């Protein structure tokens, strides 16, 4: 079976190093930029901002602006974003399987 991953949604999501991690952290509740940054301290603010914008373009994450003082925004998963959670769980399961079996091959 042959499959071209170029420009597929799977490729677009996984080409960004932090995309799946951001989605994972948004799975429970919406978060402000600074709260996401605290969860992923090794991700620069620039890269985090770019990745959030890209996830918004892919309709996986939405941004809600609050115009009260102080102004702030929150990011949350969309219906499509929540659909990625089972895939992330499968990746976590594979990681566990791989880690426990890589020495036995």
Foldseek 3Di string as FASTA:
>chain_A
DDDDPPPDPVCLQVVQPCNVVLLVVQLPHKDFLVVSCVVPVVDDSVSSVVSLVSCVVVQQKDKDWDPDVPTTIIIHGDPVVNVCVVVVVVVVVVVVVCVVCVVVD
